Amino acid sequence: MLAVKDPNVQVQLLVWIFVMRIMRVVSSAGSTSGTRTIARGRYCRDKMDFEQPLTFLVWLTSIV
C-alpha cells in the first residue's frame, strides 16, 4: 500500500486483497463440503482408507 501513491488504486488493491481472502475461504468450505458428500457415497465401508478422500479434497481445492 505504501508503494502506491494514488488513493483510488490503494482502495482497489485493499478491496481486492479482502475479496480474494473471502473467496479462498468460500472455495475451501465448498470443496470440503463436496468432498464430505462424495466420500460418504464412495468410501462408506467397514474399513476406510482416509488417504483417498483427503487426496481428492486436495485435488478438488486446487482445481477450484
Protein backbone atom coordinates (compact mmCIF):
# COMPACT_ATOMS: atom_id res chain seq x y z
CA MET A 1 0.00 0.00 0.00
CA LEU A 2 2.86 2.38 0.71
CA ALA A 3 4.35 1.84 -2.76
CA VAL A 4 1.20 3.19 -4.45
CA LYS A 5 0.57 6.90 -4.09
CA ASP A 6 -2.88 7.14 -5.73
CA PRO A 7 -5.63 6.70 -3.09
CA ASN A 8 -8.06 5.18 -5.63
CA VAL A 9 -5.59 2.44 -6.52
CA GLN A 10 -4.88 1.83 -2.83
CA VAL A 11 -8.59 1.29 -2.18
CA GLN A 12 -8.88 -1.05 -5.18
CA LEU A 13 -5.89 -3.10 -4.01
CA LEU A 14 -7.21 -3.31 -0.45
CA VAL A 15 -10.66 -4.45 -1.63
CA TRP A 16 -9.04 -6.99 -3.98
CA ILE A 17 -6.98 -8.46 -1.13
CA PHE A 18 -10.03 -8.94 1.08
CA VAL A 19 -12.20 -10.31 -1.74
CA MET A 20 -9.53 -12.89 -2.60
CA ARG A 21 -9.30 -13.87 1.06
CA ILE A 22 -13.07 -14.34 1.30
CA MET A 23 -13.16 -16.31 -1.97
CA ARG A 24 -10.40 -18.59 -0.67
CA VAL A 25 -12.41 -19.36 2.46
CA VAL A 26 -15.63 -19.92 0.46
CA SER A 27 -13.95 -22.20 -2.08
CA SER A 28 -12.25 -24.19 0.66
CA ALA A 29 -15.54 -24.64 2.57
CA GLY A 30 -17.35 -25.64 -0.62
CA SER A 31 -14.66 -28.13 -1.55
CA THR A 32 -14.67 -29.63 1.93
CA SER A 33 -18.45 -29.96 1.89
CA GLY A 34 -18.42 -31.52 -1.56
CA THR A 35 -15.68 -33.94 -0.60
CA ARG A 36 -17.56 -34.97 2.53
CA THR A 37 -20.68 -35.72 0.47
CA ILE A 38 -18.76 -37.65 -2.18
CA ALA A 39 -16.73 -39.54 0.42
CA ARG A 40 -19.87 -40.76 2.20
CA GLY A 41 -21.21 -42.25 -1.00
CA ARG A 42 -17.93 -43.53 -2.33
CA TYR A 43 -15.92 -44.72 0.64
CA CYS A 44 -18.56 -45.75 3.16
CA ARG A 45 -17.17 -49.14 4.18
CA ASP A 46 -16.19 -51.04 7.30
CA LYS A 47 -12.50 -50.26 6.79
CA MET A 48 -11.95 -46.89 5.20
CA ASP A 49 -8.70 -45.61 3.74
CA PHE A 50 -8.66 -41.99 4.91
CA GLU A 51 -5.96 -41.04 2.44
CA GLN A 52 -8.22 -41.35 -0.63
CA PRO A 53 -10.81 -38.71 0.38
CA LEU A 54 -8.03 -36.41 1.57
CA THR A 55 -6.22 -36.71 -1.76
CA PHE A 56 -9.50 -35.99 -3.55
CA LEU A 57 -10.01 -32.90 -1.36
CA VAL A 58 -6.55 -31.58 -2.19
CA TRP A 59 -7.15 -32.04 -5.93
CA LEU A 60 -10.63 -30.52 -5.80
CA THR A 61 -9.50 -27.49 -3.79
CA SER A 62 -6.57 -26.96 -6.15
CA ILE A 63 -8.83 -27.07 -9.20
CA VAL A 64 -11.40 -24.74 -7.65
